[in-house]
Amino acid sequence: MVPLPRLVLAGLFALGLAACANAPAAPGPDLSPPPPRVDAKTQLEYGAPPRGPRY
């Protein structure tokens, strides 16, 4: 007869394996380029970009 703790651990392992097998795949890395940087001269020439709401 199998000892109870070993049976419980085997059940938990099986549950964990089933949960990982049914999990959706992780999304890939974001490969889009970062937004362009705005320097002080550009802000003076074209105006500063609009600020978002402050909560």
N, C-alpha and C. Protein backbone atom coordinates (compact mmCIF):
# COMPACT_ATOMS: atom_id res chain seq x y z
N MET A 1 0.84 -1.19 0.00
CA MET A 1 0.00 0.00 0.00
C MET A 1 0.88 1.26 0.00
N VAL A 2 0.48 2.27 -0.77
CA VAL A 2 1.26 3.49 -0.91
C VAL A 2 0.97 4.40 0.28
N PRO A 3 2.00 4.95 0.91
CA PRO A 3 1.77 5.88 2.02
C PRO A 3 0.99 7.11 1.57
N LEU A 4 0.19 7.62 2.43
CA LEU A 4 -0.69 8.75 2.12
C LEU A 4 0.07 10.01 1.67
N PRO A 5 1.16 10.42 2.34
CA PRO A 5 1.86 11.63 1.88
C PRO A 5 2.39 11.50 0.45
N ARG A 6 2.87 10.31 0.10
CA ARG A 6 3.39 10.12 -1.25
C ARG A 6 2.26 10.21 -2.28
N LEU A 7 1.10 9.69 -1.93
CA LEU A 7 -0.06 9.76 -2.81
C LEU A 7 -0.54 11.20 -2.98
N VAL A 8 -0.52 11.96 -1.89
CA VAL A 8 -0.93 13.37 -1.95
C VAL A 8 0.05 14.16 -2.82
N LEU A 9 1.35 13.94 -2.64
CA LEU A 9 2.34 14.64 -3.46
C LEU A 9 2.21 14.28 -4.94
N ALA A 10 1.92 13.04 -5.22
CA ALA A 10 1.73 12.63 -6.62
C ALA A 10 0.50 13.31 -7.21
N GLY A 11 -0.56 13.45 -6.43
CA GLY A 11 -1.76 14.15 -6.89
C GLY A 11 -1.50 15.62 -7.15
N LEU A 12 -0.76 16.27 -6.25
CA LEU A 12 -0.43 17.68 -6.44
C LEU A 12 0.46 17.87 -7.67
N PHE A 13 1.38 16.96 -7.87
CA PHE A 13 2.24 17.04 -9.05
C PHE A 13 1.42 16.89 -10.32
N ALA A 14 0.48 15.97 -10.32
CA ALA A 14 -0.37 15.76 -11.49
C ALA A 14 -1.24 16.99 -11.76
N LEU A 15 -1.75 17.60 -10.70
CA LEU A 15 -2.54 18.83 -10.87
C LEU A 15 -1.69 19.96 -11.44
N GLY A 16 -0.49 20.12 -10.94
CA GLY A 16 0.40 21.17 -11.45
C GLY A 16 0.77 20.94 -12.90
N LEU A 17 1.03 19.69 -13.25
CA LEU A 17 1.37 19.37 -14.64
C LEU A 17 0.19 19.63 -15.56
N ALA A 18 -1.01 19.31 -15.12
CA ALA A 18 -2.20 19.56 -15.95
C ALA A 18 -2.44 21.06 -16.10
N ALA A 19 -2.20 21.84 -15.05
CA ALA A 19 -2.40 23.29 -15.12
C ALA A 19 -1.40 23.92 -16.09
N CYS A 20 -0.17 23.46 -16.07
CA CYS A 20 0.84 24.02 -16.97
C CYS A 20 0.58 23.61 -18.42
N ALA A 21 0.04 22.43 -18.61
CA ALA A 21 -0.22 21.96 -19.97
C ALA A 21 -1.37 22.74 -20.61
N ASN A 22 -2.31 23.24 -19.80
CA ASN A 22 -3.47 23.96 -20.33
C ASN A 22 -3.28 25.48 -20.34
N ALA A 23 -2.15 25.97 -19.84
CA ALA A 23 -1.93 27.42 -19.78
C ALA A 23 -1.65 27.97 -21.17
N PRO A 24 -2.14 29.19 -21.46
CA PRO A 24 -1.85 29.79 -22.76
C PRO A 24 -0.37 30.17 -22.85
N ALA A 25 0.14 30.23 -24.05
CA ALA A 25 1.53 30.59 -24.25
C ALA A 25 1.75 32.07 -23.92
N ALA A 26 2.93 32.39 -23.46
CA ALA A 26 3.26 33.77 -23.13
C ALA A 26 3.40 34.57 -24.42
N PRO A 27 2.99 35.85 -24.41
CA PRO A 27 3.14 36.66 -25.63
C PRO A 27 4.61 36.91 -25.93
N GLY A 28 4.91 37.12 -27.18
CA GLY A 28 6.28 37.39 -27.59
C GLY A 28 6.73 38.77 -27.15
N PRO A 29 8.02 39.05 -27.27
CA PRO A 29 8.52 40.37 -26.86
C PRO A 29 8.03 41.46 -27.81
N ASP A 30 7.89 42.66 -27.28
CA ASP A 30 7.46 43.81 -28.08
C ASP A 30 8.66 44.32 -28.87
N LEU A 31 8.61 44.18 -30.19
CA LEU A 31 9.73 44.56 -31.04
C LEU A 31 9.54 45.91 -31.71
N SER A 32 8.50 46.66 -31.32
CA SER A 32 8.29 47.97 -31.92
C SER A 32 9.35 48.95 -31.40
N PRO A 33 9.78 49.89 -32.23
CA PRO A 33 10.81 50.84 -31.78
C PRO A 33 10.25 51.79 -30.73
N PRO A 34 11.10 52.30 -29.87
CA PRO A 34 10.62 53.24 -28.86
C PRO A 34 10.17 54.55 -29.52
N PRO A 35 9.32 55.32 -28.86
CA PRO A 35 8.88 56.60 -29.45
C PRO A 35 10.07 57.56 -29.56
N PRO A 36 10.04 58.46 -30.52
CA PRO A 36 11.17 59.39 -30.69
C PRO A 36 11.29 60.31 -29.48
N ARG A 37 12.52 60.62 -29.16
CA ARG A 37 12.76 61.53 -28.03
C ARG A 37 12.55 62.97 -28.49
N VAL A 38 12.05 63.78 -27.60
CA VAL A 38 11.81 65.19 -27.90
C VAL A 38 12.82 66.00 -27.11
N ASP A 39 13.66 66.75 -27.81
CA ASP A 39 14.65 67.56 -27.10
C ASP A 39 14.08 68.97 -26.86
N ALA A 40 14.82 69.80 -26.15
CA ALA A 40 14.33 71.13 -25.78
C ALA A 40 14.12 72.01 -27.00
N LYS A 41 15.00 71.91 -28.00
CA LYS A 41 14.86 72.74 -29.19
C LYS A 41 13.56 72.40 -29.94
N THR A 42 13.27 71.13 -30.07
CA THR A 42 12.04 70.73 -30.74
C THR A 42 10.82 71.25 -29.99
N GLN A 43 10.85 71.21 -28.68
CA GLN A 43 9.72 71.71 -27.90
C GLN A 43 9.56 73.21 -28.10
N LEU A 44 10.66 73.94 -28.20
CA LEU A 44 10.56 75.38 -28.41
C LEU A 44 10.03 75.70 -29.80
N GLU A 45 10.44 74.91 -30.81
CA GLU A 45 10.02 75.19 -32.18
C GLU A 45 8.58 74.78 -32.45
N TYR A 46 8.20 73.63 -31.98
CA TYR A 46 6.90 73.07 -32.34
C TYR A 46 5.90 73.06 -31.18
N GLY A 47 6.31 73.45 -30.01
CA GLY A 47 5.42 73.42 -28.85
C GLY A 47 5.51 72.06 -28.15
N ALA A 48 5.29 72.07 -26.90
CA ALA A 48 5.37 70.84 -26.12
C ALA A 48 4.16 69.95 -26.45
N PRO A 49 4.34 68.64 -26.42
CA PRO A 49 3.19 67.76 -26.67
C PRO A 49 2.15 67.95 -25.56
N PRO A 50 0.89 67.70 -25.86
CA PRO A 50 -0.15 67.89 -24.84
C PRO A 50 0.06 66.95 -23.66
N ARG A 51 -0.19 67.48 -22.50
CA ARG A 51 -0.04 66.68 -21.28
C ARG A 51 -1.32 65.91 -21.01
N GLY A 52 -1.15 64.76 -20.44
CA GLY A 52 -2.30 63.95 -20.08
C GLY A 52 -2.98 64.50 -18.85
N PRO A 53 -4.15 64.00 -18.55
CA PRO A 53 -4.86 64.48 -17.35
C PRO A 53 -4.13 64.08 -16.09
N ARG A 54 -4.17 64.94 -15.10
CA ARG A 54 -3.55 64.64 -13.81
C ARG A 54 -4.64 64.23 -12.84
N TYR A 55 -4.53 63.05 -12.35
CA TYR A 55 -5.55 62.52 -11.43
C TYR A 55 -5.11 62.64 -10.02
